[in-house]
Amino acid sequence: MDQSKLNNGLDDNQFKQPKKDYIDENLICVNALHDSGPYNGLAPYKIYLLKRIFSVGYDEYDGKVVIASSAKAARKIANLKYGEEGPIWENANQVFCKEITLDMPLVVLESFRAG
């Protein structure tokens, strides 16, 4: 069978480098923020927890869990989508960012809505 038919007519380079980044309500693709270089057989990504330091109002994000190659990249990815709080996720004075290590059991995210 012709390889191009298997790839829906796209060549291998088109699979490796999507033409554009996009944000959708449920999915974020961020090719431009990949700063770890070529994949070398080791996982280049880490998990980061970002939490707001000050109080949170209505229609605002209070925290995010981001997979990225660095804390700086995690902040940039978090800043791609925001609510009424605005693009604050790269500001260390307003947002705490910590790498999550997987060396012990823990809850990464909890969400409780009082009402």
C-alpha atoms as a PDB file:
ATOM      1  CA  MET A   1       0.000   0.000   0.000  1.00  0.00           C
ATOM      2  CA  ASP A   2       1.183   3.507  -0.790  1.00  0.00           C
ATOM      3  CA  GLN A   3       2.587   5.171   2.386  1.00  0.00           C
ATOM      4  CA  SER A   4       0.918   8.477   1.501  1.00  0.00           C
ATOM      5  CA  LYS A   5      -2.491   6.764   1.725  1.00  0.00           C
ATOM      6  CA  LEU A   6      -1.676   5.588   5.261  1.00  0.00           C
ATOM      7  CA  ASN A   7      -0.812   9.152   6.294  1.00  0.00           C
ATOM      8  CA  ASN A   8      -3.895  10.687   4.652  1.00  0.00           C
ATOM      9  CA  GLY A   9      -1.684  12.179   1.962  1.00  0.00           C
ATOM     10  CA  LEU A  10       0.708  13.895   4.415  1.00  0.00           C
ATOM     11  CA  ASP A  11       4.429  13.253   4.318  1.00  0.00           C
ATOM     12  CA  ASP A  12       6.462  12.463   7.455  1.00  0.00           C
ATOM     13  CA  ASN A  13       7.650  16.064   7.881  1.00  0.00           C
ATOM     14  CA  GLN A  14       4.075  17.280   8.144  1.00  0.00           C
ATOM     15  CA  PHE A  15       3.474  14.815  10.988  1.00  0.00           C
ATOM     16  CA  LYS A  16       6.564  15.931  12.898  1.00  0.00           C
ATOM     17  CA  GLN A  17       5.971  19.684  12.551  1.00  0.00           C
ATOM     18  CA  PRO A  18       2.308  20.731  12.673  1.00  0.00           C
ATOM     19  CA  LYS A  19       1.765  23.980  10.770  1.00  0.00           C
ATOM     20  CA  LYS A  20       0.287  25.990  13.636  1.00  0.00           C
ATOM     21  CA  ASP A  21      -0.352  25.954  17.342  1.00  0.00           C
ATOM     22  CA  TYR A  22      -3.907  26.214  18.560  1.00  0.00           C
ATOM     23  CA  ILE A  23      -5.916  26.553  21.710  1.00  0.00           C
ATOM     24  CA  ASP A  24      -9.229  24.803  22.134  1.00  0.00           C
ATOM     25  CA  GLU A  25     -11.423  24.639  25.229  1.00  0.00           C
ATOM     26  CA  ASN A  26     -10.240  21.112  26.093  1.00  0.00           C
ATOM     27  CA  LEU A  27      -6.838  20.811  24.407  1.00  0.00           C
ATOM     28  CA  ILE A  28      -3.720  22.947  24.161  1.00  0.00           C
ATOM     29  CA  CYS A  29      -1.048  22.194  21.572  1.00  0.00           C
ATOM     30  CA  VAL A  30       2.061  24.254  22.137  1.00  0.00           C
ATOM     31  CA  ASN A  31       4.783  23.429  19.671  1.00  0.00           C
ATOM     32  CA  ALA A  32       6.463  26.829  19.907  1.00  0.00           C
ATOM     33  CA  LEU A  33       7.172  26.449  23.636  1.00  0.00           C
ATOM     34  CA  HIS A  34       9.028  23.145  23.328  1.00  0.00           C
ATOM     35  CA  ASP A  35      12.491  24.254  24.457  1.00  0.00           C
ATOM     36  CA  SER A  36      14.099  20.972  25.459  1.00  0.00           C
ATOM     37  CA  GLY A  37      15.584  20.132  22.097  1.00  0.00           C
ATOM     38  CA  PRO A  38      15.244  16.848  20.257  1.00  0.00           C
ATOM     39  CA  TYR A  39      13.918  13.819  22.083  1.00  0.00           C
ATOM     40  CA  ASN A  40      16.934  11.818  23.275  1.00  0.00           C
ATOM     41  CA  GLY A  41      15.264   8.726  24.722  1.00  0.00           C
ATOM     42  CA  LEU A  42      14.704  10.369  28.120  1.00  0.00           C
ATOM     43  CA  ALA A  43      11.479  12.058  29.119  1.00  0.00           C
ATOM     44  CA  PRO A  44      12.180  15.771  28.551  1.00  0.00           C
ATOM     45  CA  TYR A  45       9.095  16.965  30.429  1.00  0.00           C
ATOM     46  CA  LYS A  46       8.263  17.551  34.076  1.00  0.00           C
ATOM     47  CA  ILE A  47       5.010  18.256  35.911  1.00  0.00           C
ATOM     48  CA  TYR A  48       4.530  21.713  37.446  1.00  0.00           C
ATOM     49  CA  LEU A  49       1.888  22.965  39.866  1.00  0.00           C
ATOM     50  CA  LEU A  50       1.018  26.651  39.517  1.00  0.00           C
ATOM     51  CA  LYS A  51      -1.151  28.258  42.217  1.00  0.00           C
ATOM     52  CA  ARG A  52      -2.292  31.833  42.699  1.00  0.00           C
ATOM     53  CA  ILE A  53      -0.773  33.489  45.789  1.00  0.00           C
ATOM     54  CA  PHE A  54      -3.568  35.992  46.452  1.00  0.00           C
ATOM     55  CA  SER A  55      -7.351  35.684  46.622  1.00  0.00           C
ATOM     56  CA  VAL A  56      -9.307  34.501  43.606  1.00  0.00           C
ATOM     57  CA  GLY A  57     -12.494  36.074  42.291  1.00  0.00           C
ATOM     58  CA  TYR A  58     -15.252  34.887  39.998  1.00  0.00           C
ATOM     59  CA  ASP A  59     -14.394  33.697  36.468  1.00  0.00           C
ATOM     60  CA  GLU A  60     -10.716  33.265  37.370  1.00  0.00           C
ATOM     61  CA  TYR A  61      -8.315  30.333  37.406  1.00  0.00           C
ATOM     62  CA  ASP A  62      -6.872  29.622  40.851  1.00  0.00           C
ATOM     63  CA  GLY A  63      -4.313  27.011  39.783  1.00  0.00           C
ATOM     64  CA  LYS A  64      -3.062  24.854  36.954  1.00  0.00           C
ATOM     65  CA  VAL A  65      -1.100  21.624  36.508  1.00  0.00           C
ATOM     66  CA  VAL A  66       1.192  21.896  33.478  1.00  0.00           C
ATOM     67  CA  ILE A  67       3.540  19.453  31.781  1.00  0.00           C
ATOM     68  CA  ALA A  68       6.560  21.300  30.371  1.00  0.00           C
ATOM     69  CA  SER A  69      10.315  21.122  29.961  1.00  0.00           C
ATOM     70  CA  SER A  70      11.015  23.883  32.522  1.00  0.00           C
ATOM     71  CA  ALA A  71       9.279  26.127  35.042  1.00  0.00           C
ATOM     72  CA  LYS A  72       9.634  29.035  32.609  1.00  0.00           C
ATOM     73  CA  ALA A  73       7.931  27.037  29.844  1.00  0.00           C
ATOM     74  CA  ALA A  74       5.203  25.931  32.299  1.00  0.00           C
ATOM     75  CA  ARG A  75       4.461  29.566  33.119  1.00  0.00           C
ATOM     76  CA  LYS A  76       4.290  30.465  29.416  1.00  0.00           C
ATOM     77  CA  ILE A  77       1.922  27.581  28.697  1.00  0.00           C
ATOM     78  CA  ALA A  78      -0.273  28.518  31.683  1.00  0.00           C
ATOM     79  CA  ASN A  79      -0.434  32.085  30.362  1.00  0.00           C
ATOM     80  CA  LEU A  80      -1.953  30.976  27.038  1.00  0.00           C
ATOM     81  CA  LYS A  81      -5.417  30.751  28.591  1.00  0.00           C
ATOM     82  CA  TYR A  82      -6.692  32.845  31.473  1.00  0.00           C
ATOM     83  CA  GLY A  83      -9.867  34.255  32.936  1.00  0.00           C
ATOM     84  CA  GLU A  84     -10.650  37.611  34.526  1.00  0.00           C
ATOM     85  CA  GLU A  85      -7.299  37.485  36.369  1.00  0.00           C
ATOM     86  CA  GLY A  86      -5.515  38.323  33.112  1.00  0.00           C
ATOM     87  CA  PRO A  87      -2.138  37.021  31.899  1.00  0.00           C
ATOM     88  CA  ILE A  88      -0.515  36.763  35.360  1.00  0.00           C
ATOM     89  CA  TRP A  89       0.874  33.217  35.159  1.00  0.00           C
ATOM     90  CA  GLU A  90       4.457  34.282  34.345  1.00  0.00           C
ATOM     91  CA  ASN A  91       4.562  36.680  37.314  1.00  0.00           C
ATOM     92  CA  ALA A  92       6.346  35.055  40.285  1.00  0.00           C
ATOM     93  CA  ASN A  93       4.924  37.749  42.611  1.00  0.00           C
ATOM     94  CA  GLN A  94       1.384  36.540  41.885  1.00  0.00           C
ATOM     95  CA  VAL A  95       1.784  32.830  41.039  1.00  0.00           C
ATOM     96  CA  PHE A  96       3.686  30.076  42.848  1.00  0.00           C
ATOM     97  CA  CYS A  97       5.265  27.455  40.538  1.00  0.00           C
ATOM     98  CA  LYS A  98       6.682  24.178  41.841  1.00  0.00           C
ATOM     99  CA  GLU A  99       7.907  21.036  40.117  1.00  0.00           C
ATOM    100  CA  ILE A 100       5.972  17.970  41.213  1.00  0.00           C
ATOM    101  CA  THR A 101       8.166  14.954  41.810  1.00  0.00           C
ATOM    102  CA  LEU A 102       6.748  11.464  41.573  1.00  0.00           C
ATOM    103  CA  ASP A 103       8.746   9.966  44.442  1.00  0.00           C
ATOM    104  CA  MET A 104       5.774   9.778  46.827  1.00  0.00           C
ATOM    105  CA  PRO A 105       1.982   9.481  46.628  1.00  0.00           C
ATOM    106  CA  LEU A 106       0.204  12.830  46.589  1.00  0.00           C
ATOM    107  CA  VAL A 107      -2.936  14.568  45.395  1.00  0.00           C
ATOM    108  CA  VAL A 108      -1.992  16.827  42.489  1.00  0.00           C
ATOM    109  CA  LEU A 109      -5.319  18.604  42.115  1.00  0.00           C
ATOM    110  CA  GLU A 110      -8.412  19.016  44.287  1.00  0.00           C
ATOM    111  CA  SER A 111     -11.388  21.164  43.436  1.00  0.00           C
ATOM    112  CA  PHE A 112     -14.096  21.866  46.015  1.00  0.00           C
ATOM    113  CA  ARG A 113     -17.061  24.126  45.294  1.00  0.00           C
ATOM    114  CA  ALA A 114     -18.854  25.306  48.401  1.00  0.00           C
ATOM    115  CA  GLY A 115     -22.494  26.063  47.925  1.00  0.00           C
END
